[in-house]
Amino acid sequence: MEAVIVNYRRGRHTMHANQLLLEIEGVDSRAKASQFIGKRIVWKTPGGKEIFGKIIRPHGNNGVLRARFSRGLPGTALGTKTRILEK
């Protein structure tokens, strides 16, 4: 299954580069999004390296998820796809 990286988790003055917001096609409510909590995800760099992360909680009420990666992702990751791994 795939998810699209929407944006970093951010506030008005701060940005958390290792926490990103993900959107999955067909997931449009907080209840549906909660089913993905705890699943691991992987993002491939253009060079072929893999950066792993984990879905930690829903973000808002419209099905967006919050994920924490082992290290910060570059700005080129925004708008790209990540793969959700099965447990």
N, C-alpha and C. Protein backbone atom coordinates (compact mmCIF):
# COMPACT_ATOMS: atom_id res chain seq x y z
N MET A 1 0.85 -1.17 0.00
CA MET A 1 0.00 0.00 0.00
C MET A 1 0.89 1.24 0.00
N GLU A 2 0.42 2.30 -0.60
CA GLU A 2 1.22 3.52 -0.72
C GLU A 2 0.50 4.71 -0.09
N ALA A 3 1.31 5.65 0.37
CA ALA A 3 0.81 6.90 0.93
C ALA A 3 1.61 8.04 0.32
N VAL A 4 1.00 9.21 0.24
CA VAL A 4 1.66 10.39 -0.30
C VAL A 4 2.06 11.30 0.85
N ILE A 5 3.30 11.79 0.81
CA ILE A 5 3.78 12.72 1.83
C ILE A 5 3.20 14.10 1.50
N VAL A 6 2.41 14.62 2.42
CA VAL A 6 1.73 15.89 2.19
C VAL A 6 2.58 17.07 2.63
N ASN A 7 3.11 17.00 3.86
CA ASN A 7 3.89 18.11 4.40
C ASN A 7 4.60 17.65 5.67
N TYR A 8 5.47 18.51 6.18
CA TYR A 8 6.07 18.27 7.48
C TYR A 8 5.04 18.59 8.55
N ARG A 9 5.24 18.02 9.74
CA ARG A 9 4.44 18.47 10.88
C ARG A 9 5.05 19.78 11.32
N ARG A 10 4.24 20.82 11.35
CA ARG A 10 4.79 22.13 11.65
C ARG A 10 3.78 23.00 12.37
N GLY A 11 4.33 24.01 12.99
CA GLY A 11 3.52 25.02 13.64
C GLY A 11 3.82 26.35 12.97
N ARG A 12 3.46 27.38 13.62
CA ARG A 12 3.66 28.70 13.03
C ARG A 12 5.14 29.07 12.97
N HIS A 13 5.90 28.69 13.99
CA HIS A 13 7.30 29.07 14.06
C HIS A 13 8.27 27.90 14.00
N THR A 14 7.77 26.68 14.06
CA THR A 14 8.66 25.52 14.11
C THR A 14 8.29 24.51 13.03
N MET A 15 9.28 23.70 12.65
CA MET A 15 9.04 22.62 11.70
C MET A 15 9.78 21.40 12.20
N HIS A 16 9.10 20.26 12.23
CA HIS A 16 9.70 19.01 12.68
C HIS A 16 10.05 18.20 11.43
N ALA A 17 11.32 18.17 11.06
CA ALA A 17 11.74 17.56 9.80
C ALA A 17 11.64 16.04 9.83
N ASN A 18 11.61 15.43 11.02
CA ASN A 18 11.51 13.97 11.05
C ASN A 18 10.07 13.49 11.25
N GLN A 19 9.10 14.41 11.31
CA GLN A 19 7.69 14.03 11.41
C GLN A 19 6.96 14.59 10.20
N LEU A 20 6.27 13.70 9.49
CA LEU A 20 5.59 14.11 8.27
C LEU A 20 4.13 13.70 8.30
N LEU A 21 3.34 14.39 7.49
CA LEU A 21 1.93 14.08 7.36
C LEU A 21 1.73 13.27 6.09
N LEU A 22 0.99 12.17 6.20
CA LEU A 22 0.76 11.27 5.07
C LEU A 22 -0.72 11.20 4.75
N GLU A 23 -1.01 11.01 3.48
CA GLU A 23 -2.39 10.87 3.03
C GLU A 23 -2.51 9.58 2.22
N ILE A 24 -3.46 8.73 2.58
CA ILE A 24 -3.69 7.48 1.88
C ILE A 24 -5.00 7.60 1.12
N GLU A 25 -4.99 7.15 -0.13
CA GLU A 25 -6.19 7.22 -0.95
C GLU A 25 -7.28 6.32 -0.38
N GLY A 26 -8.48 6.85 -0.23
CA GLY A 26 -9.60 6.09 0.30
C GLY A 26 -9.78 6.21 1.80
N VAL A 27 -8.81 6.79 2.49
CA VAL A 27 -8.92 6.98 3.94
C VAL A 27 -9.36 8.42 4.16
N ASP A 28 -10.60 8.58 4.66
CA ASP A 28 -11.16 9.93 4.77
C ASP A 28 -11.75 10.22 6.14
N SER A 29 -11.43 9.40 7.14
CA SER A 29 -11.93 9.67 8.48
C SER A 29 -10.88 9.27 9.51
N ARG A 30 -11.03 9.79 10.69
CA ARG A 30 -10.09 9.48 11.77
C ARG A 30 -10.15 7.99 12.14
N ALA A 31 -11.35 7.40 12.08
CA ALA A 31 -11.50 5.99 12.42
C ALA A 31 -10.76 5.09 11.43
N LYS A 32 -10.86 5.39 10.15
CA LYS A 32 -10.14 4.61 9.15
C LYS A 32 -8.63 4.79 9.28
N ALA A 33 -8.22 6.00 9.60
CA ALA A 33 -6.79 6.30 9.74
C ALA A 33 -6.19 5.58 10.95
N SER A 34 -6.98 5.39 11.99
CA SER A 34 -6.48 4.75 13.21
C SER A 34 -6.07 3.31 12.98
N GLN A 35 -6.55 2.68 11.93
CA GLN A 35 -6.19 1.28 11.64
C GLN A 35 -4.73 1.15 11.22
N PHE A 36 -4.10 2.23 10.81
CA PHE A 36 -2.73 2.18 10.31
C PHE A 36 -1.69 2.52 11.38
N ILE A 37 -2.12 2.85 12.59
CA ILE A 37 -1.18 3.21 13.65
C ILE A 37 -0.30 2.02 13.98
N GLY A 38 1.00 2.27 14.08
CA GLY A 38 1.96 1.24 14.42
C GLY A 38 2.61 0.58 13.22
N LYS A 39 2.10 0.82 12.02
CA LYS A 39 2.70 0.21 10.83
C LYS A 39 3.97 0.96 10.45
N ARG A 40 4.92 0.20 9.91
CA ARG A 40 6.19 0.79 9.48
C ARG A 40 6.06 1.24 8.03
N ILE A 41 6.80 2.30 7.70
CA ILE A 41 6.80 2.83 6.34
C ILE A 41 8.24 3.03 5.89
N VAL A 42 8.42 3.08 4.59
CA VAL A 42 9.76 3.26 4.04
C VAL A 42 9.67 4.25 2.88
N TRP A 43 10.64 5.18 2.84
CA TRP A 43 10.76 6.14 1.73
C TRP A 43 12.10 5.91 1.07
N LYS A 44 12.08 5.77 -0.24
CA LYS A 44 13.32 5.56 -0.99
C LYS A 44 13.84 6.88 -1.52
N THR A 45 15.12 7.14 -1.28
CA THR A 45 15.76 8.34 -1.80
C THR A 45 15.98 8.16 -3.30
N PRO A 46 16.19 9.25 -4.03
CA PRO A 46 16.50 9.11 -5.46
C PRO A 46 17.76 8.29 -5.71
N GLY A 47 18.66 8.24 -4.72
CA GLY A 47 19.89 7.45 -4.85
C GLY A 47 19.71 5.99 -4.52
N GLY A 48 18.53 5.60 -4.02
CA GLY A 48 18.25 4.20 -3.73
C GLY A 48 18.30 3.82 -2.27
N LYS A 49 18.72 4.72 -1.38
CA LYS A 49 18.73 4.40 0.04
C LYS A 49 17.31 4.40 0.58
N GLU A 50 17.11 3.67 1.66
CA GLU A 50 15.78 3.60 2.28
C GLU A 50 15.83 4.23 3.67
N ILE A 51 14.84 5.06 3.96
CA ILE A 51 14.70 5.67 5.27
C ILE A 51 13.39 5.14 5.85
N PHE A 52 13.48 4.56 7.05
CA PHE A 52 12.32 3.92 7.67
C PHE A 52 11.66 4.84 8.67
N GLY A 53 10.36 4.64 8.83
CA GLY A 53 9.58 5.39 9.78
C GLY A 53 8.44 4.56 10.31
N LYS A 54 7.64 5.19 11.15
CA LYS A 54 6.52 4.50 11.78
C LYS A 54 5.34 5.46 11.87
N ILE A 55 4.14 4.98 11.60
CA ILE A 55 2.94 5.79 11.74
C ILE A 55 2.60 5.85 13.22
N ILE A 56 2.49 7.06 13.76
CA ILE A 56 2.33 7.19 15.20
C ILE A 56 0.92 7.61 15.63
N ARG A 57 0.20 8.36 14.81
CA ARG A 57 -1.15 8.77 15.19
C ARG A 57 -1.86 9.47 14.04
N PRO A 58 -3.18 9.61 14.12
CA PRO A 58 -3.89 10.41 13.11
C PRO A 58 -3.61 11.89 13.31
N HIS A 59 -3.85 12.65 12.27
CA HIS A 59 -3.66 14.10 12.33
C HIS A 59 -4.95 14.74 11.85
N GLY A 60 -5.74 15.24 12.77
CA GLY A 60 -7.01 15.85 12.42
C GLY A 60 -8.10 14.80 12.24
N ASN A 61 -9.20 15.20 11.61
CA ASN A 61 -10.37 14.33 11.48
C ASN A 61 -10.64 13.87 10.06
N ASN A 62 -9.74 14.19 9.10
CA ASN A 62 -10.02 13.87 7.70
C ASN A 62 -9.14 12.76 7.15
N GLY A 63 -8.56 11.92 8.01
CA GLY A 63 -7.84 10.75 7.54
C GLY A 63 -6.37 10.94 7.27
N VAL A 64 -5.80 12.07 7.64
CA VAL A 64 -4.36 12.28 7.46
C VAL A 64 -3.64 11.62 8.64
N LEU A 65 -2.47 11.05 8.37
CA LEU A 65 -1.69 10.36 9.39
C LEU A 65 -0.40 11.10 9.68
N ARG A 66 0.10 10.93 10.90
CA ARG A 66 1.39 11.50 11.29
C ARG A 66 2.39 10.37 11.40
N ALA A 67 3.55 10.55 10.79
CA ALA A 67 4.59 9.52 10.83
C ALA A 67 5.89 10.12 11.33
N ARG A 68 6.64 9.30 12.07
CA ARG A 68 7.95 9.72 12.57
C ARG A 68 9.01 8.87 11.88
N PHE A 69 9.97 9.52 11.26
CA PHE A 69 11.05 8.83 10.57
C PHE A 69 12.29 8.81 11.44
N SER A 70 13.20 7.88 11.13
CA SER A 70 14.41 7.73 11.92
C SER A 70 15.32 8.95 11.78
N ARG A 71 15.25 9.63 10.66
CA ARG A 71 15.99 10.87 10.45
C ARG A 71 15.12 11.80 9.62
N GLY A 72 15.49 13.06 9.55
CA GLY A 72 14.70 14.03 8.80
C GLY A 72 14.74 13.75 7.31
N LEU A 73 13.63 13.99 6.64
CA LEU A 73 13.57 13.81 5.19
C LEU A 73 13.81 15.15 4.50
N PRO A 74 14.41 15.12 3.31
CA PRO A 74 14.65 16.37 2.59
C PRO A 74 13.35 16.93 2.01
N GLY A 75 13.41 18.17 1.60
CA GLY A 75 12.24 18.82 1.02
C GLY A 75 11.78 18.18 -0.28
N THR A 76 12.67 17.48 -0.97
CA THR A 76 12.28 16.82 -2.21
C THR A 76 11.35 15.64 -1.96
N ALA A 77 11.20 15.23 -0.69
CA ALA A 77 10.32 14.11 -0.36
C ALA A 77 8.85 14.52 -0.40
N LEU A 78 8.57 15.81 -0.28
CA LEU A 78 7.18 16.27 -0.27
C LEU A 78 6.53 15.99 -1.62
N GLY A 79 5.36 15.38 -1.56
CA GLY A 79 4.62 15.06 -2.77
C GLY A 79 4.97 13.70 -3.35
N THR A 80 5.96 13.01 -2.78
CA THR A 80 6.34 11.70 -3.29
C THR A 80 5.61 10.61 -2.51
N LYS A 81 5.76 9.37 -2.97
CA LYS A 81 5.06 8.25 -2.36
C LYS A 81 5.96 7.49 -1.40
N THR A 82 5.36 6.96 -0.36
CA THR A 82 6.04 6.05 0.56
C THR A 82 5.29 4.73 0.52
N ARG A 83 5.98 3.68 0.93
CA ARG A 83 5.37 2.37 0.96
C ARG A 83 5.06 2.00 2.41
N ILE A 84 3.84 1.51 2.66
CA ILE A 84 3.46 1.05 3.98
C ILE A 84 3.73 -0.45 4.03
N LEU A 85 4.55 -0.87 4.99
CA LEU A 85 4.92 -2.27 5.10
C LEU A 85 3.90 -3.00 5.98
N GLU A 86 3.69 -4.26 5.69
CA GLU A 86 2.81 -5.08 6.52
C GLU A 86 3.56 -5.47 7.78
N LYS A 87 2.84 -5.66 8.87
CA LYS A 87 3.48 -6.01 10.15
C LYS A 87 4.10 -7.37 10.08
